[in-house]
Amino acid sequence: MAIKYIFFDLGDTLINMSISKKALYLGLKSVLPIKSVTDELVLKWEKESYKTFEYYYRKGEFYTVKQLQSMSLKNVLLRYDIDLPEPKLRNAVNEFWRYFIKNCQLYEDVIPILSKLIDNEYELGLITNADEENVIRVLKQHNLKNIFKTKIISSEFRSYKPDLLLFEKALELTKCLPEEAIYVGDSAVDIYGAKKLGMITVLINGIKTTQNKRLEIEPDFWIGDLQRLPEIIEKNEI
């Protein structure tokens, strides 16, 4: 069956997330005395963000990425007997995103490969755990706003991967059968829902981690960068 749609994750798939730590540092610096902002504090905020996401995900409660970041920062600072008011917590998160969006970079092969796929008349879409406002700003920053015909963003549907909902919505809105779609992500969490629904899954820049084992999922293809994607698409065209 012919491939109709190619969906992508955003962070660490198309967008290099390596400046996140500096963004965290600047977020903290915007609301705390400079001597209080240490590498240890940055690392603790980063780790607490993952823990906070996992906690509320398992409880079945939805919060936006910004809300989760704010809650995780509050938890970390309370351990240092620092009780920032909510507006300052939000300011730190907003500063994180201001810096990140202005300075984040695409991986170097993103534009050539996306352009090639469009030239070959494939439809492109996004399925990402993110807040819509930040996704739109990132896409605008890199002139990608009109590249993706369909954007499935967690804040809009109040659901996060690895739930199936975002992938179900993607297939429903594009009127695409699972076997007519490819999903490219960078972690087991990314590809879990796509794999469960029967989409062709591609793990990029990925390593075998405990997440893979916990979710009991294996991608159809492992690739180091996007250069191999056209070859994979060609092989799956019937």
Protein backbone atom coordinates (compact mmCIF):
# COMPACT_ATOMS: atom_id res chain seq x y z
CA MET A 1 0.00 0.00 0.00
CA ALA A 2 1.33 3.46 -0.87
CA ILE A 3 2.60 5.73 1.86
CA LYS A 4 0.47 8.87 2.09
CA TYR A 5 1.53 10.63 5.26
CA ILE A 6 4.77 11.05 7.16
CA PHE A 7 4.43 12.32 10.71
CA PHE A 8 7.26 13.63 12.87
CA ASP A 9 7.95 14.31 16.49
CA LEU A 10 9.48 17.76 17.00
CA GLY A 11 12.00 17.94 19.87
CA ASP A 12 15.19 15.90 19.34
CA THR A 13 13.76 14.63 16.05
CA LEU A 14 13.72 17.83 13.98
CA ILE A 15 14.80 20.37 16.60
CA ASN A 16 18.09 19.99 18.46
CA MET A 17 17.27 20.26 22.18
CA SER A 18 20.87 20.62 23.36
CA ILE A 19 20.42 24.26 24.41
CA SER A 20 17.73 23.28 26.95
CA LYS A 21 20.16 23.37 29.88
CA LYS A 22 21.24 26.92 29.06
CA ALA A 23 17.57 27.89 28.73
CA LEU A 24 16.91 26.38 32.18
CA TYR A 25 19.86 28.33 33.59
CA LEU A 26 18.60 31.61 32.15
CA GLY A 27 15.10 30.89 33.38
CA LEU A 28 16.43 30.46 36.93
CA LYS A 29 18.70 33.48 36.61
CA SER A 30 15.71 35.66 35.71
CA VAL A 31 14.07 35.08 39.12
CA LEU A 32 16.88 34.14 41.53
CA PRO A 33 20.10 35.79 42.74
CA ILE A 34 22.93 34.77 40.42
CA LYS A 35 24.85 33.04 43.25
CA SER A 36 21.88 30.72 43.79
CA VAL A 37 21.85 29.46 40.21
CA THR A 38 24.17 26.45 40.10
CA ASP A 39 24.64 23.55 37.70
CA GLU A 40 23.17 21.34 40.41
CA LEU A 41 20.00 23.42 40.56
CA VAL A 42 19.66 23.37 36.77
CA LEU A 43 20.03 19.58 36.73
CA LYS A 44 17.51 19.16 39.54
CA TRP A 45 14.92 21.28 37.71
CA GLU A 46 15.48 19.23 34.55
CA LYS A 47 15.07 15.90 36.38
CA GLU A 48 12.11 17.13 38.40
CA SER A 49 10.33 18.13 35.17
CA TYR A 50 10.45 14.52 33.98
CA LYS A 51 9.32 13.22 37.38
CA THR A 52 6.43 15.69 37.52
CA PHE A 53 5.31 14.70 34.03
CA GLU A 54 5.40 10.99 34.96
CA TYR A 55 3.52 11.59 38.21
CA TYR A 56 0.58 13.41 36.65
CA TYR A 57 0.58 11.24 33.55
CA ARG A 58 0.10 8.15 35.71
CA LYS A 59 -2.63 9.92 37.70
CA GLY A 60 -4.43 10.71 34.46
CA GLU A 61 -4.33 14.46 35.11
CA PHE A 62 -3.41 16.74 32.21
CA TYR A 63 -1.32 19.88 32.58
CA THR A 64 0.43 21.84 29.86
CA VAL A 65 4.19 21.62 29.51
CA LYS A 66 4.55 25.11 30.95
CA GLN A 67 2.39 24.22 33.94
CA LEU A 68 4.44 21.08 34.56
CA GLN A 69 7.67 23.07 34.36
CA SER A 70 6.33 25.62 36.82
CA MET A 71 5.19 22.94 39.28
CA SER A 72 8.50 21.10 39.04
CA LEU A 73 10.46 24.30 39.68
CA LYS A 74 8.35 25.02 42.74
CA ASN A 75 9.05 21.51 44.08
CA VAL A 76 12.80 21.90 43.60
CA LEU A 77 13.05 25.36 45.14
CA LEU A 78 11.05 24.35 48.22
CA ARG A 79 13.85 21.89 49.02
CA TYR A 80 16.10 24.94 49.31
CA ASP A 81 13.50 26.78 51.41
CA ILE A 82 12.78 29.10 48.51
CA ASP A 83 9.07 29.73 48.02
CA LEU A 84 8.63 31.76 44.85
CA PRO A 85 5.16 33.16 44.11
CA GLU A 86 3.36 31.79 41.06
CA PRO A 87 4.05 34.83 38.84
CA LYS A 88 7.81 34.41 39.33
CA LEU A 89 7.62 30.69 38.61
CA ARG A 90 5.79 31.49 35.38
CA ASN A 91 8.37 34.16 34.56
CA ALA A 92 11.19 31.61 34.87
CA VAL A 93 9.37 29.22 32.54
CA ASN A 94 8.59 31.98 30.06
CA GLU A 95 12.24 33.04 30.03
CA PHE A 96 13.22 29.43 29.34
CA TRP A 97 10.98 29.38 26.27
CA ARG A 98 11.95 32.87 25.12
CA TYR A 99 15.60 31.87 24.95
CA PHE A 100 14.96 28.36 23.62
CA ILE A 101 12.71 29.44 20.76
CA LYS A 102 15.04 32.24 19.71
CA ASN A 103 18.17 30.05 19.73
CA CYS A 104 17.15 26.45 18.99
CA GLN A 105 18.42 24.93 15.76
CA LEU A 106 17.14 22.37 13.29
CA TYR A 107 19.31 19.34 12.61
CA GLU A 108 21.20 20.08 9.42
CA ASP A 109 19.43 17.46 7.29
CA VAL A 110 15.88 18.53 8.22
CA ILE A 111 15.22 21.11 5.49
CA PRO A 112 16.72 19.06 2.61
CA ILE A 113 14.81 15.91 3.58
CA LEU A 114 11.48 17.64 4.26
CA SER A 115 11.81 19.49 0.95
CA LYS A 116 12.52 16.24 -0.86
CA LEU A 117 9.47 14.56 0.69
CA ILE A 118 7.24 17.46 -0.31
CA ASP A 119 8.66 17.40 -3.84
CA ASN A 120 7.72 13.72 -3.95
CA GLU A 121 4.15 14.71 -3.00
CA TYR A 122 4.03 13.23 0.48
CA GLU A 123 1.90 14.96 3.09
CA LEU A 124 3.76 15.89 6.27
CA GLY A 125 2.46 16.19 9.81
CA LEU A 126 3.54 16.71 13.41
CA ILE A 127 2.56 14.68 16.45
CA THR A 128 4.25 16.18 19.48
CA ASN A 129 4.09 16.46 23.26
CA ALA A 130 4.15 20.23 23.53
CA ASP A 131 2.17 23.42 24.06
CA GLU A 132 0.62 24.75 20.88
CA GLU A 133 1.86 28.31 21.34
CA ASN A 134 5.47 27.12 21.60
CA VAL A 135 5.18 24.77 18.62
CA ILE A 136 3.83 27.58 16.44
CA ARG A 137 6.61 29.92 17.57
CA VAL A 138 9.31 27.32 16.89
CA LEU A 139 7.92 26.55 13.44
CA LYS A 140 7.68 30.26 12.63
CA GLN A 141 11.26 30.80 13.79
CA HIS A 142 12.46 28.22 11.26
CA ASN A 143 10.01 29.01 8.43
CA LEU A 144 8.31 25.64 8.87
CA LYS A 145 4.82 26.90 9.69
CA ASN A 146 3.33 25.87 6.35
CA ILE A 147 5.37 22.70 5.88
CA PHE A 148 3.16 20.52 8.06
CA LYS A 149 -0.39 20.13 6.82
CA THR A 150 -1.55 18.45 10.03
CA LYS A 151 -0.38 19.37 13.54
CA ILE A 152 -1.40 17.11 16.41
CA ILE A 153 -0.26 18.84 19.59
CA SER A 154 -0.82 17.53 23.10
CA SER A 155 -2.12 20.80 24.56
CA GLU A 156 -4.94 20.86 22.00
CA PHE A 157 -6.12 17.31 22.69
CA ARG A 158 -5.14 17.21 26.39
CA SER A 159 -3.21 14.00 25.95
CA TYR A 160 0.45 13.00 25.86
CA LYS A 161 2.36 10.26 24.13
CA PRO A 162 2.65 7.33 24.75
CA ASP A 163 -1.20 7.39 24.79
CA LEU A 164 -2.76 6.32 21.52
CA LEU A 165 -5.13 9.30 21.34
CA LEU A 166 -2.83 11.68 19.44
CA PHE A 167 -2.11 9.03 16.81
CA GLU A 168 -5.77 8.11 16.51
CA LYS A 169 -6.60 11.79 15.94
CA ALA A 170 -3.84 12.07 13.35
CA LEU A 171 -5.21 9.14 11.35
CA GLU A 172 -8.79 10.34 11.75
CA LEU A 173 -8.08 13.89 10.59
CA THR A 174 -5.95 12.81 7.64
CA LYS A 175 -8.30 9.94 6.66
CA CYS A 176 -5.21 7.78 6.53
CA LEU A 177 -4.94 4.06 7.25
CA PRO A 178 -2.19 3.11 9.73
CA GLU A 179 -0.23 1.23 7.07
CA GLU A 180 -0.30 4.34 4.87
CA ALA A 181 1.52 6.39 7.52
CA ILE A 182 5.05 6.60 8.89
CA TYR A 183 5.92 8.11 12.26
CA VAL A 184 9.43 9.35 13.05
CA GLY A 185 10.39 9.97 16.69
CA ASP A 186 13.40 9.84 18.96
CA SER A 187 12.19 7.66 21.86
CA ALA A 188 10.10 4.64 22.74
CA VAL A 189 7.52 7.02 24.23
CA ASP A 190 7.26 8.72 20.85
CA ILE A 191 6.67 5.64 18.75
CA TYR A 192 4.61 3.52 21.18
CA GLY A 193 1.18 4.75 20.06
CA ALA A 194 2.10 4.67 16.37
CA LYS A 195 3.37 1.10 16.63
CA LYS A 196 0.30 -0.08 18.54
CA LEU A 197 -1.99 1.31 15.84
CA GLY A 198 -0.03 -0.32 13.02
CA MET A 199 1.81 2.69 11.64
CA ILE A 200 5.33 2.21 10.30
CA THR A 201 7.68 3.46 13.02
CA VAL A 202 11.14 4.97 12.68
CA LEU A 203 13.33 5.71 15.69
CA ILE A 204 15.89 8.43 14.98
CA ASN A 205 18.95 9.26 17.07
CA GLY A 206 17.61 6.70 19.51
CA ILE A 207 19.38 4.36 21.90
CA LYS A 208 18.03 1.26 23.58
CA THR A 209 16.98 2.41 27.03
CA THR A 210 14.90 1.16 29.94
CA GLN A 211 11.97 3.05 28.37
CA ASN A 212 12.05 0.66 25.43
CA LYS A 213 11.98 -2.31 27.78
CA ARG A 214 9.24 -0.85 29.97
CA LEU A 215 7.00 -0.08 27.03
CA GLU A 216 7.89 -3.39 25.33
CA ILE A 217 8.11 -1.74 21.96
CA GLU A 218 10.60 -1.92 19.11
CA PRO A 219 10.59 0.39 16.09
CA ASP A 220 10.39 -0.98 12.58
CA PHE A 221 13.55 0.97 11.72
CA TRP A 222 16.45 2.55 13.64
CA ILE A 223 18.25 5.43 11.91
CA GLY A 224 20.98 7.85 12.95
CA ASP A 225 19.65 10.78 10.93
CA LEU A 226 16.97 11.66 8.41
CA GLN A 227 19.09 10.81 5.37
CA ARG A 228 17.82 7.21 5.39
CA LEU A 229 14.16 8.15 5.58
CA PRO A 230 13.51 8.36 1.79
CA GLU A 231 15.02 4.88 1.40
CA ILE A 232 12.72 3.50 4.13
CA ILE A 233 9.68 5.09 2.49
CA GLU A 234 10.61 3.61 -0.87
CA LYS A 235 10.98 0.13 0.65
CA ASN A 236 7.51 0.35 2.18
CA GLU A 237 5.80 1.46 -1.01
CA ILE A 238 3.87 -1.44 -2.54
